[in-house]
Amino acid sequence: MPKFLFAYHGGKMPETEADIAAEMKRWRDWMDGLGDALVDPGNPVGMSKTVSVDGIASDGGANPVSGYSLVMADDLNMALAMAVGCPMVTQGHGSIEVAETHNMDF
């Protein structure tokens, strides 16, 4: 079964302990709902830098990644259906880039 990368963009840091607890519960509930399809829950990421032929940019690019997860799904449409329930999307704090990963034989 194919694996899909969820690359999170955006997000919002909750301001109070109660907001943090509520946000964590939303994420846990969503991830629990993914069941065995969730291969790697991933993590948030820190400030990024972009490396290119032009050098190293310190701003993370036009839409920096704020976290990631890996899921298994039959196809892209199934992976997209999983992504739309993510709290980052439902709360309107960001977006998710969904891409199928490909195994490479080295």
C-alpha atoms as a PDB file:
ATOM      1  CA  MET A   1       0.000   0.000   0.000  1.00  0.00           C
ATOM      2  CA  PRO A   2       1.430   3.418  -0.909  1.00  0.00           C
ATOM      3  CA  LYS A   3       2.679   5.864   1.723  1.00  0.00           C
ATOM      4  CA  PHE A   4       1.848   9.553   1.601  1.00  0.00           C
ATOM      5  CA  LEU A   5       3.686  12.472   3.128  1.00  0.00           C
ATOM      6  CA  PHE A   6       1.611  15.125   4.865  1.00  0.00           C
ATOM      7  CA  ALA A   7       3.723  18.297   4.904  1.00  0.00           C
ATOM      8  CA  TYR A   8       2.076  20.828   7.205  1.00  0.00           C
ATOM      9  CA  HIS A   9       2.302  24.519   6.381  1.00  0.00           C
ATOM     10  CA  GLY A  10       1.321  27.244   8.791  1.00  0.00           C
ATOM     11  CA  GLY A  11      -0.176  26.614  12.166  1.00  0.00           C
ATOM     12  CA  LYS A  12      -0.778  28.690  15.227  1.00  0.00           C
ATOM     13  CA  MET A  13       0.714  28.377  18.689  1.00  0.00           C
ATOM     14  CA  PRO A  14      -2.046  28.233  21.314  1.00  0.00           C
ATOM     15  CA  GLU A  15      -1.807  31.038  23.863  1.00  0.00           C
ATOM     16  CA  THR A  16      -3.102  29.501  27.106  1.00  0.00           C
ATOM     17  CA  GLU A  17      -2.720  26.144  28.840  1.00  0.00           C
ATOM     18  CA  ALA A  18      -6.400  25.457  28.156  1.00  0.00           C
ATOM     19  CA  ASP A  19      -5.915  26.265  24.458  1.00  0.00           C
ATOM     20  CA  ILE A  20      -2.858  23.985  24.315  1.00  0.00           C
ATOM     21  CA  ALA A  21      -4.805  21.114  25.918  1.00  0.00           C
ATOM     22  CA  ALA A  22      -7.740  21.600  23.526  1.00  0.00           C
ATOM     23  CA  GLU A  23      -5.462  21.707  20.477  1.00  0.00           C
ATOM     24  CA  MET A  24      -3.548  18.603  21.578  1.00  0.00           C
ATOM     25  CA  LYS A  25      -6.856  16.773  22.074  1.00  0.00           C
ATOM     26  CA  ARG A  26      -7.983  17.731  18.539  1.00  0.00           C
ATOM     27  CA  TRP A  27      -4.713  16.370  17.102  1.00  0.00           C
ATOM     28  CA  ARG A  28      -4.856  13.170  19.188  1.00  0.00           C
ATOM     29  CA  ASP A  29      -8.480  12.541  18.220  1.00  0.00           C
ATOM     30  CA  TRP A  30      -7.700  13.067  14.525  1.00  0.00           C
ATOM     31  CA  MET A  31      -4.611  10.853  14.637  1.00  0.00           C
ATOM     32  CA  ASP A  32      -6.460   8.150  16.598  1.00  0.00           C
ATOM     33  CA  GLY A  33      -9.132   8.243  13.895  1.00  0.00           C
ATOM     34  CA  LEU A  34      -6.512   7.453  11.256  1.00  0.00           C
ATOM     35  CA  GLY A  35      -5.857   4.139  13.007  1.00  0.00           C
ATOM     36  CA  ASP A  36      -3.298   1.839  11.380  1.00  0.00           C
ATOM     37  CA  ALA A  37      -3.060   4.161   8.360  1.00  0.00           C
ATOM     38  CA  LEU A  38      -0.857   6.445  10.462  1.00  0.00           C
ATOM     39  CA  VAL A  39       2.649   5.114   9.799  1.00  0.00           C
ATOM     40  CA  ASP A  40       4.563   7.945  11.494  1.00  0.00           C
ATOM     41  CA  PRO A  41       2.732  10.712  13.379  1.00  0.00           C
ATOM     42  CA  GLY A  42       5.726  12.943  12.731  1.00  0.00           C
ATOM     43  CA  ASN A  43       6.478  16.115  14.638  1.00  0.00           C
ATOM     44  CA  PRO A  44       6.425  19.862  14.333  1.00  0.00           C
ATOM     45  CA  VAL A  45       9.662  21.274  12.950  1.00  0.00           C
ATOM     46  CA  GLY A  46      11.682  24.358  13.825  1.00  0.00           C
ATOM     47  CA  MET A  47      12.813  27.236  11.670  1.00  0.00           C
ATOM     48  CA  SER A  48      13.952  26.002   8.288  1.00  0.00           C
ATOM     49  CA  LYS A  49      16.496  27.182   5.766  1.00  0.00           C
ATOM     50  CA  THR A  50      16.321  26.535   2.045  1.00  0.00           C
ATOM     51  CA  VAL A  51      19.387  25.237   0.195  1.00  0.00           C
ATOM     52  CA  SER A  52      19.567  25.814  -3.571  1.00  0.00           C
ATOM     53  CA  VAL A  53      22.109  26.483  -6.281  1.00  0.00           C
ATOM     54  CA  ASP A  54      21.811  30.162  -5.326  1.00  0.00           C
ATOM     55  CA  GLY A  55      22.968  29.462  -1.770  1.00  0.00           C
ATOM     56  CA  ILE A  56      21.199  29.192   1.563  1.00  0.00           C
ATOM     57  CA  ALA A  57      18.098  31.258   2.333  1.00  0.00           C
ATOM     58  CA  SER A  58      17.252  31.723   6.004  1.00  0.00           C
ATOM     59  CA  ASP A  59      13.542  32.434   5.634  1.00  0.00           C
ATOM     60  CA  GLY A  60      12.334  28.875   4.978  1.00  0.00           C
ATOM     61  CA  GLY A  61      10.987  29.789   1.566  1.00  0.00           C
ATOM     62  CA  ALA A  62       7.616  31.102   0.482  1.00  0.00           C
ATOM     63  CA  ASN A  63       5.596  28.563   2.495  1.00  0.00           C
ATOM     64  CA  PRO A  64       7.837  26.880   5.080  1.00  0.00           C
ATOM     65  CA  VAL A  65       7.036  23.424   6.389  1.00  0.00           C
ATOM     66  CA  SER A  66       5.879  23.408  10.012  1.00  0.00           C
ATOM     67  CA  GLY A  67       5.630  19.631  10.498  1.00  0.00           C
ATOM     68  CA  TYR A  68       5.009  16.282   8.848  1.00  0.00           C
ATOM     69  CA  SER A  69       3.300  12.888   9.119  1.00  0.00           C
ATOM     70  CA  LEU A  70       3.329   9.701   7.027  1.00  0.00           C
ATOM     71  CA  VAL A  71       0.169   7.737   6.279  1.00  0.00           C
ATOM     72  CA  MET A  72      -0.699   4.673   4.234  1.00  0.00           C
ATOM     73  CA  ALA A  73      -3.614   4.886   1.816  1.00  0.00           C
ATOM     74  CA  ASP A  74      -4.897   3.015  -1.218  1.00  0.00           C
ATOM     75  CA  ASP A  75      -4.525   6.115  -3.377  1.00  0.00           C
ATOM     76  CA  LEU A  76      -4.155   9.888  -3.373  1.00  0.00           C
ATOM     77  CA  ASN A  77      -7.890  10.462  -2.976  1.00  0.00           C
ATOM     78  CA  MET A  78      -7.958   8.382   0.203  1.00  0.00           C
ATOM     79  CA  ALA A  79      -4.948  10.282   1.569  1.00  0.00           C
ATOM     80  CA  LEU A  80      -6.638  13.599   0.766  1.00  0.00           C
ATOM     81  CA  ALA A  81      -9.781  12.443   2.584  1.00  0.00           C
ATOM     82  CA  MET A  82      -7.634  11.775   5.661  1.00  0.00           C
ATOM     83  CA  ALA A  83      -5.950  15.178   5.443  1.00  0.00           C
ATOM     84  CA  VAL A  84      -9.143  17.243   5.327  1.00  0.00           C
ATOM     85  CA  GLY A  85      -9.969  16.225   8.907  1.00  0.00           C
ATOM     86  CA  CYS A  86      -6.676  17.527  10.309  1.00  0.00           C
ATOM     87  CA  PRO A  87      -7.119  20.207  12.983  1.00  0.00           C
ATOM     88  CA  MET A  88      -4.732  22.506  11.122  1.00  0.00           C
ATOM     89  CA  VAL A  89      -7.232  22.507   8.253  1.00  0.00           C
ATOM     90  CA  THR A  90     -10.491  22.369  10.209  1.00  0.00           C
ATOM     91  CA  GLN A  91      -9.390  25.197  12.509  1.00  0.00           C
ATOM     92  CA  GLY A  92      -8.228  27.279   9.525  1.00  0.00           C
ATOM     93  CA  HIS A  93      -4.647  27.685  10.790  1.00  0.00           C
ATOM     94  CA  GLY A  94      -2.795  26.219   7.827  1.00  0.00           C
ATOM     95  CA  SER A  95      -2.698  23.725   5.001  1.00  0.00           C
ATOM     96  CA  ILE A  96      -1.362  20.271   4.196  1.00  0.00           C
ATOM     97  CA  GLU A  97       0.604  19.326   1.120  1.00  0.00           C
ATOM     98  CA  VAL A  98      -0.086  15.655   0.325  1.00  0.00           C
ATOM     99  CA  ALA A  99       2.355  13.682  -1.839  1.00  0.00           C
ATOM    100  CA  GLU A 100       2.883   9.984  -2.487  1.00  0.00           C
ATOM    101  CA  THR A 101       6.307   8.730  -1.481  1.00  0.00           C
ATOM    102  CA  HIS A 102       8.210   6.309  -3.721  1.00  0.00           C
ATOM    103  CA  ASN A 103      10.592   3.601  -2.571  1.00  0.00           C
ATOM    104  CA  MET A 104      14.014   3.740  -4.176  1.00  0.00           C
ATOM    105  CA  ASP A 105      16.241   0.706  -4.562  1.00  0.00           C
ATOM    106  CA  PHE A 106      19.809   1.779  -3.959  1.00  0.00           C
END
